[in-house]
């Protein structure tokens, strides 16, 4: 997995990204990409996300997900 990004924002940004990848016992490869912080505040079609699921090479786009966290303890 490679991810290239850049941006210049005139507002505060807190971007969180989680990527999980594994190979199942039957040989299929699975990947999950979830992000929060970019585009999640938009209420129109302008919103964007990098949320998706890949199962055995087939890509499934997910709706915008929300990550729940505490600024005092990011874990």
N, C-alpha and C. Protein backbone atom coordinates (compact mmCIF):
# COMPACT_ATOMS: atom_id res chain seq x y z
N UNK A 1 0.85 -1.18 0.00
CA UNK A 1 0.00 0.00 0.00
C UNK A 1 0.88 1.22 0.00
N UNK A 2 0.59 2.15 -0.89
CA UNK A 2 1.30 3.42 -0.92
C UNK A 2 0.25 4.53 -0.90
N UNK A 3 0.53 5.56 -0.15
CA UNK A 3 -0.39 6.68 -0.05
C UNK A 3 0.42 7.96 -0.17
N UNK A 4 0.09 8.77 -1.15
CA UNK A 4 0.75 10.05 -1.34
C UNK A 4 -0.26 11.15 -1.12
N UNK A 5 0.09 12.12 -0.35
CA UNK A 5 -0.83 13.22 -0.12
C UNK A 5 -0.08 14.48 0.26
N UNK A 6 -0.69 15.59 -0.03
CA UNK A 6 -0.12 16.86 0.38
C UNK A 6 -1.26 17.86 0.47
N UNK A 7 -1.05 18.89 1.21
CA UNK A 7 -2.08 19.90 1.33
C UNK A 7 -1.57 21.11 2.08
N UNK A 8 -2.21 22.20 1.83
CA UNK A 8 -1.94 23.44 2.54
C UNK A 8 -3.29 23.94 3.03
N UNK A 9 -3.50 23.89 4.32
CA UNK A 9 -4.81 24.20 4.88
C UNK A 9 -4.72 25.43 5.79
N UNK A 10 -5.68 26.30 5.65
CA UNK A 10 -5.71 27.49 6.49
C UNK A 10 -6.60 27.27 7.71
N UNK A 11 -6.73 26.04 8.12
CA UNK A 11 -7.51 25.69 9.29
C UNK A 11 -6.85 24.47 9.95
N UNK A 12 -7.19 24.24 11.19
CA UNK A 12 -6.62 23.10 11.89
C UNK A 12 -7.10 21.78 11.31
N UNK A 13 -6.20 20.83 11.22
CA UNK A 13 -6.53 19.53 10.67
C UNK A 13 -6.03 18.46 11.63
N UNK A 14 -6.89 17.53 11.95
CA UNK A 14 -6.49 16.33 12.69
C UNK A 14 -6.95 15.15 11.86
N UNK A 15 -6.01 14.49 11.24
CA UNK A 15 -6.34 13.41 10.31
C UNK A 15 -5.88 12.09 10.91
N UNK A 16 -6.78 11.13 10.94
CA UNK A 16 -6.49 9.81 11.47
C UNK A 16 -6.70 8.78 10.37
N UNK A 17 -5.80 7.81 10.29
CA UNK A 17 -5.90 6.81 9.24
C UNK A 17 -5.51 5.46 9.81
N UNK A 18 -6.30 4.46 9.51
CA UNK A 18 -6.00 3.09 9.94
C UNK A 18 -6.03 2.19 8.71
N UNK A 19 -5.03 1.36 8.56
CA UNK A 19 -4.94 0.43 7.44
C UNK A 19 -4.67 -0.96 7.99
N UNK A 20 -5.52 -1.89 7.63
CA UNK A 20 -5.37 -3.27 8.07
C UNK A 20 -5.27 -4.16 6.83
N UNK A 21 -4.32 -5.07 6.82
CA UNK A 21 -4.17 -6.00 5.71
C UNK A 21 -3.83 -7.37 6.26
N UNK A 22 -4.39 -8.42 5.63
CA UNK A 22 -4.08 -9.78 6.05
C UNK A 22 -4.37 -10.74 4.90
N UNK A 23 -3.90 -11.95 5.06
CA UNK A 23 -4.24 -13.03 4.15
C UNK A 23 -5.01 -14.07 4.94
N UNK A 24 -6.20 -14.41 4.45
CA UNK A 24 -7.03 -15.40 5.14
C UNK A 24 -6.48 -16.80 4.94
N UNK A 25 -6.94 -17.75 5.73
CA UNK A 25 -6.46 -19.13 5.65
C UNK A 25 -6.72 -19.75 4.28
N UNK A 26 -7.78 -19.28 3.60
CA UNK A 26 -8.08 -19.82 2.27
C UNK A 26 -7.30 -19.12 1.15
N UNK A 27 -6.39 -18.20 1.52
CA UNK A 27 -5.52 -17.55 0.55
C UNK A 27 -6.01 -16.19 0.04
N UNK A 28 -7.26 -15.84 0.34
CA UNK A 28 -7.76 -14.53 -0.10
C UNK A 28 -7.09 -13.43 0.70
N UNK A 29 -6.80 -12.33 0.02
CA UNK A 29 -6.21 -11.16 0.69
C UNK A 29 -7.31 -10.15 1.00
N UNK A 30 -7.21 -9.56 2.19
CA UNK A 30 -8.22 -8.60 2.65
C UNK A 30 -7.50 -7.35 3.12
N UNK A 31 -8.03 -6.19 2.76
CA UNK A 31 -7.50 -4.92 3.23
C UNK A 31 -8.63 -3.97 3.58
N UNK A 32 -8.44 -3.21 4.63
CA UNK A 32 -9.42 -2.22 5.07
C UNK A 32 -8.68 -0.91 5.29
N UNK A 33 -9.21 0.17 4.72
CA UNK A 33 -8.65 1.51 4.92
C UNK A 33 -9.74 2.40 5.49
N UNK A 34 -9.47 2.99 6.64
CA UNK A 34 -10.43 3.89 7.29
C UNK A 34 -9.72 5.18 7.68
N UNK A 35 -10.36 6.29 7.43
CA UNK A 35 -9.78 7.58 7.78
C UNK A 35 -10.84 8.51 8.34
N UNK A 36 -10.40 9.49 9.10
CA UNK A 36 -11.32 10.48 9.64
C UNK A 36 -10.56 11.79 9.76
N UNK A 37 -11.26 12.88 9.50
CA UNK A 37 -10.65 14.19 9.68
C UNK A 37 -10.60 15.01 8.41
N UNK A 38 -10.58 14.37 7.26
CA UNK A 38 -10.62 15.09 5.99
C UNK A 38 -11.95 14.79 5.32
N UNK A 39 -12.74 15.79 5.08
CA UNK A 39 -13.99 15.61 4.35
C UNK A 39 -15.15 15.14 5.20
N UNK A 40 -14.90 14.73 6.43
CA UNK A 40 -15.98 14.18 7.24
C UNK A 40 -16.97 15.25 7.71
N UNK A 41 -16.57 16.52 7.67
CA UNK A 41 -17.47 17.59 8.10
C UNK A 41 -18.38 18.09 6.99
N UNK A 42 -18.10 17.71 5.74
CA UNK A 42 -18.93 18.15 4.63
C UNK A 42 -20.26 17.41 4.64
N UNK A 43 -21.32 18.12 4.31
CA UNK A 43 -22.65 17.51 4.32
C UNK A 43 -23.19 17.29 2.91
N UNK A 44 -22.43 17.67 1.90
CA UNK A 44 -22.91 17.55 0.52
C UNK A 44 -22.06 16.54 -0.23
N UNK A 45 -22.21 16.49 -1.53
CA UNK A 45 -21.42 15.59 -2.35
C UNK A 45 -19.96 16.00 -2.43
N UNK A 46 -19.60 17.15 -1.82
CA UNK A 46 -18.19 17.57 -1.80
C UNK A 46 -17.37 16.69 -0.86
N UNK A 47 -18.04 15.96 0.01
CA UNK A 47 -17.30 15.15 0.97
C UNK A 47 -16.53 14.04 0.24
N UNK A 48 -15.43 13.67 0.82
CA UNK A 48 -14.61 12.61 0.26
C UNK A 48 -14.06 11.78 1.40
N UNK A 49 -13.75 10.57 1.12
CA UNK A 49 -13.13 9.73 2.13
C UNK A 49 -12.24 8.71 1.45
N UNK A 50 -11.35 8.15 2.22
CA UNK A 50 -10.49 7.07 1.74
C UNK A 50 -10.93 5.76 2.37
N UNK A 51 -12.20 5.64 2.69
CA UNK A 51 -12.71 4.45 3.36
C UNK A 51 -13.10 3.40 2.33
N UNK A 52 -12.43 2.25 2.41
CA UNK A 52 -12.74 1.19 1.46
C UNK A 52 -12.34 -0.16 2.02
N UNK A 53 -12.83 -1.19 1.37
CA UNK A 53 -12.56 -2.58 1.71
C UNK A 53 -12.13 -3.27 0.43
N UNK A 54 -11.08 -4.07 0.49
CA UNK A 54 -10.64 -4.86 -0.66
C UNK A 54 -10.64 -6.31 -0.23
N UNK A 55 -11.38 -7.14 -0.98
CA UNK A 55 -11.42 -8.57 -0.71
C UNK A 55 -11.03 -9.28 -2.00
N UNK A 56 -9.93 -10.00 -1.96
CA UNK A 56 -9.45 -10.78 -3.09
C UNK A 56 -9.38 -9.96 -4.38
N UNK A 57 -8.89 -8.72 -4.25
CA UNK A 57 -8.71 -7.86 -5.41
C UNK A 57 -9.92 -7.07 -5.84
N UNK A 58 -11.06 -7.24 -5.18
CA UNK A 58 -12.28 -6.48 -5.51
C UNK A 58 -12.43 -5.33 -4.52
N UNK A 59 -12.63 -4.14 -5.04
CA UNK A 59 -12.67 -2.90 -4.27
C UNK A 59 -14.11 -2.55 -3.92
N UNK A 60 -14.38 -2.24 -2.65
CA UNK A 60 -15.71 -1.84 -2.19
C UNK A 60 -15.58 -0.52 -1.45
N UNK A 61 -16.17 0.54 -1.99
CA UNK A 61 -16.12 1.86 -1.37
C UNK A 61 -17.10 1.89 -0.20
N UNK A 62 -16.64 2.42 0.92
CA UNK A 62 -17.47 2.57 2.10
C UNK A 62 -17.91 4.02 2.23
N UNK A 63 -19.00 4.26 2.92
CA UNK A 63 -19.42 5.62 3.22
C UNK A 63 -18.42 6.22 4.21
N UNK A 64 -18.56 7.48 4.50
CA UNK A 64 -17.67 8.15 5.45
C UNK A 64 -17.84 7.53 6.83
N UNK A 65 -16.74 7.08 7.42
CA UNK A 65 -16.78 6.50 8.76
C UNK A 65 -16.37 7.56 9.78
N UNK A 66 -16.65 7.27 11.01
CA UNK A 66 -16.29 8.19 12.09
C UNK A 66 -15.44 7.44 13.11
N UNK A 67 -14.30 7.99 13.43
CA UNK A 67 -13.45 7.41 14.47
C UNK A 67 -13.68 8.17 15.77
N UNK A 68 -13.91 7.45 16.83
CA UNK A 68 -14.15 8.06 18.14
C UNK A 68 -12.84 7.99 18.92
N UNK A 69 -12.39 9.11 19.43
CA UNK A 69 -11.12 9.17 20.13
C UNK A 69 -11.16 10.25 21.19
N UNK A 70 -10.18 10.22 22.07
CA UNK A 70 -10.02 11.23 23.11
C UNK A 70 -8.71 11.96 22.85
N UNK A 71 -8.72 13.28 22.87
CA UNK A 71 -7.49 14.06 22.66
C UNK A 71 -6.48 13.81 23.77
N UNK A 72 -6.94 13.34 24.92
CA UNK A 72 -6.04 13.05 26.04
C UNK A 72 -5.39 11.66 25.88
N UNK A 73 -6.00 10.77 25.13
CA UNK A 73 -5.48 9.41 24.98
C UNK A 73 -5.88 8.89 23.60
N UNK A 74 -4.99 9.05 22.62
CA UNK A 74 -5.32 8.65 21.25
C UNK A 74 -5.45 7.16 21.06
N UNK A 75 -4.96 6.35 22.02
CA UNK A 75 -5.12 4.91 21.89
C UNK A 75 -6.54 4.47 22.15
